[in-house]
């Protein structure tokens, strides 16, 4: 089981980079209703009906998990570690779900790779350096010239 961040599910739904990693995990995934709100909101901004989108998502294998009072306390307790990285309530709701179930979290947000909140973070995309270039292969992985 893995907790989906809204960014990961949206990347899957819009076939963005990394959607294949989400597709591989979707059959054993869960989503906080806080993150569901973020996903539905994205579709509503594009003119779609929230109820229709919810109906389609409800027919997937994704377990929709109501945001509980204990998850609220977990989300609040990690503010000191997440605030310097600019994480939102939605981000912390996903992390709280992962913490409450002792499962990893799947996200498109590379900032999460810097977190130390007791959750294994899985990124759907390669980490790219600030210059925008893909990381080069280490010398041992480069083919030898003849």
Foldseek 3Di string as FASTA:
>chain_A
DAEEALQLVVCLVVVHQLVVVCVVCQLPYEYEVLRLVVNLVVVVVVPDDSVVVVVVVVPGNYHYHYQDPQLVVQLVVCCVQCVVLPDDSSRSSSVSVCVVVVAAYEHCDPSCVPGDSNHHYDHSDDDDDPVRDRDDDPPVPDDDDD
